[in-house]
């Protein structure tokens, strides 16, 4: 159960990173 919680946190972090990268790309393009 603890591993699952840690995995969920990692997934959320990765999602945030992807969102930030997309925002940076949009800013550079715009």
PDB file of N, CA and C in Angstrom:
ATOM      1  N   UNK A   1       0.843  -1.200   0.000  1.00  0.00           N
ATOM      2  CA  UNK A   1       0.000   0.000   0.000  1.00  0.00           C
ATOM      3  C   UNK A   1       0.883   1.256   0.000  1.00  0.00           C
ATOM      4  N   UNK A   2       1.979   1.214   0.764  1.00  0.00           N
ATOM      5  CA  UNK A   2       2.871   2.377   0.817  1.00  0.00           C
ATOM      6  C   UNK A   2       3.490   2.630  -0.563  1.00  0.00           C
ATOM      7  N   UNK A   3       3.865   1.553  -1.244  1.00  0.00           N
ATOM      8  CA  UNK A   3       4.468   1.720  -2.578  1.00  0.00           C
ATOM      9  C   UNK A   3       3.466   2.377  -3.529  1.00  0.00           C
ATOM     10  N   UNK A   4       2.205   1.974  -3.418  1.00  0.00           N
ATOM     11  CA  UNK A   4       1.188   2.539  -4.304  1.00  0.00           C
ATOM     12  C   UNK A   4       1.065   4.047  -4.067  1.00  0.00           C
ATOM     13  N   UNK A   5       1.106   4.446  -2.798  1.00  0.00           N
ATOM     14  CA  UNK A   5       1.007   5.878  -2.476  1.00  0.00           C
ATOM     15  C   UNK A   5       2.193   6.625  -3.080  1.00  0.00           C
ATOM     16  N   UNK A   6       3.386   6.058  -2.936  1.00  0.00           N
ATOM     17  CA  UNK A   6       4.584   6.711  -3.464  1.00  0.00           C
ATOM     18  C   UNK A   6       4.479   6.810  -4.985  1.00  0.00           C
ATOM     19  N   UNK A   7       3.967   5.753  -5.610  1.00  0.00           N
ATOM     20  CA  UNK A   7       3.839   5.750  -7.071  1.00  0.00           C
ATOM     21  C   UNK A   7       2.871   6.854  -7.506  1.00  0.00           C
ATOM     22  N   UNK A   8       1.792   7.031  -6.761  1.00  0.00           N
ATOM     23  CA  UNK A   8       0.806   8.052  -7.108  1.00  0.00           C
ATOM     24  C   UNK A   8       1.462   9.435  -7.013  1.00  0.00           C
ATOM     25  N   UNK A   9       2.262   9.664  -5.966  1.00  0.00           N
ATOM     26  CA  UNK A   9       2.932  10.961  -5.821  1.00  0.00           C
ATOM     27  C   UNK A   9       3.866  11.205  -7.002  1.00  0.00           C
ATOM     28  N   UNK A  10       4.600  10.162  -7.393  1.00  0.00           N
ATOM     29  CA  UNK A  10       5.528  10.306  -8.517  1.00  0.00           C
ATOM     30  C   UNK A  10       4.754  10.654  -9.783  1.00  0.00           C
ATOM     31  N   UNK A  11       3.610   9.994  -9.979  1.00  0.00           N
ATOM     32  CA  UNK A  11       2.809  10.253 -11.173  1.00  0.00           C
ATOM     33  C   UNK A  11       2.341  11.710 -11.181  1.00  0.00           C
ATOM     34  N   UNK A  12       1.915  12.211 -10.022  1.00  0.00           N
ATOM     35  CA  UNK A  12       1.459  13.599  -9.954  1.00  0.00           C
ATOM     36  C   UNK A  12       2.603  14.548 -10.288  1.00  0.00           C
ATOM     37  N   UNK A  13       3.797  14.234  -9.790  1.00  0.00           N
ATOM     38  CA  UNK A  13       4.958  15.090 -10.070  1.00  0.00           C
ATOM     39  C   UNK A  13       5.243  15.091 -11.570  1.00  0.00           C
ATOM     40  N   UNK A  14       5.192  13.911 -12.174  1.00  0.00           N
ATOM     41  CA  UNK A  14       5.477  13.823 -13.612  1.00  0.00           C
ATOM     42  C   UNK A  14       4.436  14.623 -14.393  1.00  0.00           C
ATOM     43  N   UNK A  15       3.177  14.534 -13.975  1.00  0.00           N
ATOM     44  CA  UNK A  15       2.122  15.278 -14.668  1.00  0.00           C
ATOM     45  C   UNK A  15       2.390  16.773 -14.576  1.00  0.00           C
ATOM     46  N   UNK A  16       2.838  17.217 -13.413  1.00  0.00           N
ATOM     47  CA  UNK A  16       3.129  18.649 -13.224  1.00  0.00           C
ATOM     48  C   UNK A  16       4.267  19.066 -14.145  1.00  0.00           C
ATOM     49  N   UNK A  17       5.295  18.235 -14.224  1.00  0.00           N
ATOM     50  CA  UNK A  17       6.444  18.555 -15.078  1.00  0.00           C
ATOM     51  C   UNK A  17       5.994  18.664 -16.529  1.00  0.00           C
ATOM     52  N   UNK A  18       5.171  17.730 -16.972  1.00  0.00           N
ATOM     53  CA  UNK A  18       4.688  17.753 -18.356  1.00  0.00           C
ATOM     54  C   UNK A  18       3.884  19.025 -18.603  1.00  0.00           C
ATOM     55  N   UNK A  19       3.050  19.391 -17.652  1.00  0.00           N
ATOM     56  CA  UNK A  19       2.227  20.595 -17.807  1.00  0.00           C
ATOM     57  C   UNK A  19       3.122  21.825 -17.893  1.00  0.00           C
ATOM     58  N   UNK A  20       4.158  21.872 -17.044  1.00  0.00           N
ATOM     59  CA  UNK A  20       5.067  23.024 -17.063  1.00  0.00           C
ATOM     60  C   UNK A  20       5.804  23.090 -18.397  1.00  0.00           C
ATOM     61  N   UNK A  21       6.248  21.942 -18.896  1.00  0.00           N
ATOM     62  CA  UNK A  21       6.959  21.934 -20.182  1.00  0.00           C
ATOM     63  C   UNK A  21       6.038  22.431 -21.293  1.00  0.00           C
ATOM     64  N   UNK A  22       4.786  22.005 -21.266  1.00  0.00           N
ATOM     65  CA  UNK A  22       3.834  22.432 -22.287  1.00  0.00           C
ATOM     66  C   UNK A  22       3.622  23.942 -22.191  1.00  0.00           C
ATOM     67  N   UNK A  23       3.559  24.463 -20.968  1.00  0.00           N
ATOM     68  CA  UNK A  23       3.362  25.906 -20.788  1.00  0.00           C
ATOM     69  C   UNK A  23       4.563  26.663 -21.350  1.00  0.00           C
ATOM     70  N   UNK A  24       5.764  26.157 -21.100  1.00  0.00           N
ATOM     71  CA  UNK A  24       6.978  26.813 -21.606  1.00  0.00           C
ATOM     72  C   UNK A  24       6.967  26.801 -23.131  1.00  0.00           C
ATOM     73  N   UNK A  25       6.604  25.675 -23.723  1.00  0.00           N
ATOM     74  CA  UNK A  25       6.578  25.593 -25.191  1.00  0.00           C
ATOM     75  C   UNK A  25       5.564  26.591 -25.750  1.00  0.00           C
ATOM     76  N   UNK A  26       4.406  26.678 -25.109  1.00  0.00           N
ATOM     77  CA  UNK A  26       3.373  27.608 -25.578  1.00  0.00           C
ATOM     78  C   UNK A  26       3.877  29.039 -25.486  1.00  0.00           C
ATOM     79  N   UNK A  27       4.567  29.359 -24.391  1.00  0.00           N
ATOM     80  CA  UNK A  27       5.076  30.728 -24.197  1.00  0.00           C
ATOM     81  C   UNK A  27       6.116  31.051 -25.278  1.00  0.00           C
ATOM     82  N   UNK A  28       7.017  30.104 -25.536  1.00  0.00           N
ATOM     83  CA  UNK A  28       8.060  30.335 -26.540  1.00  0.00           C
ATOM     84  C   UNK A  28       7.422  30.538 -27.914  1.00  0.00           C
ATOM     85  N   UNK A  29       6.396  29.756 -28.202  1.00  0.00           N
ATOM     86  CA  UNK A  29       5.760  29.818 -29.512  1.00  0.00           C
ATOM     87  C   UNK A  29       4.978  31.126 -29.655  1.00  0.00           C
ATOM     88  N   UNK A  30       4.256  31.486 -28.582  1.00  0.00           N
ATOM     89  CA  UNK A  30       3.373  32.657 -28.657  1.00  0.00           C
ATOM     90  C   UNK A  30       4.160  33.946 -28.641  1.00  0.00           C
TER      91      UNK A  30
END
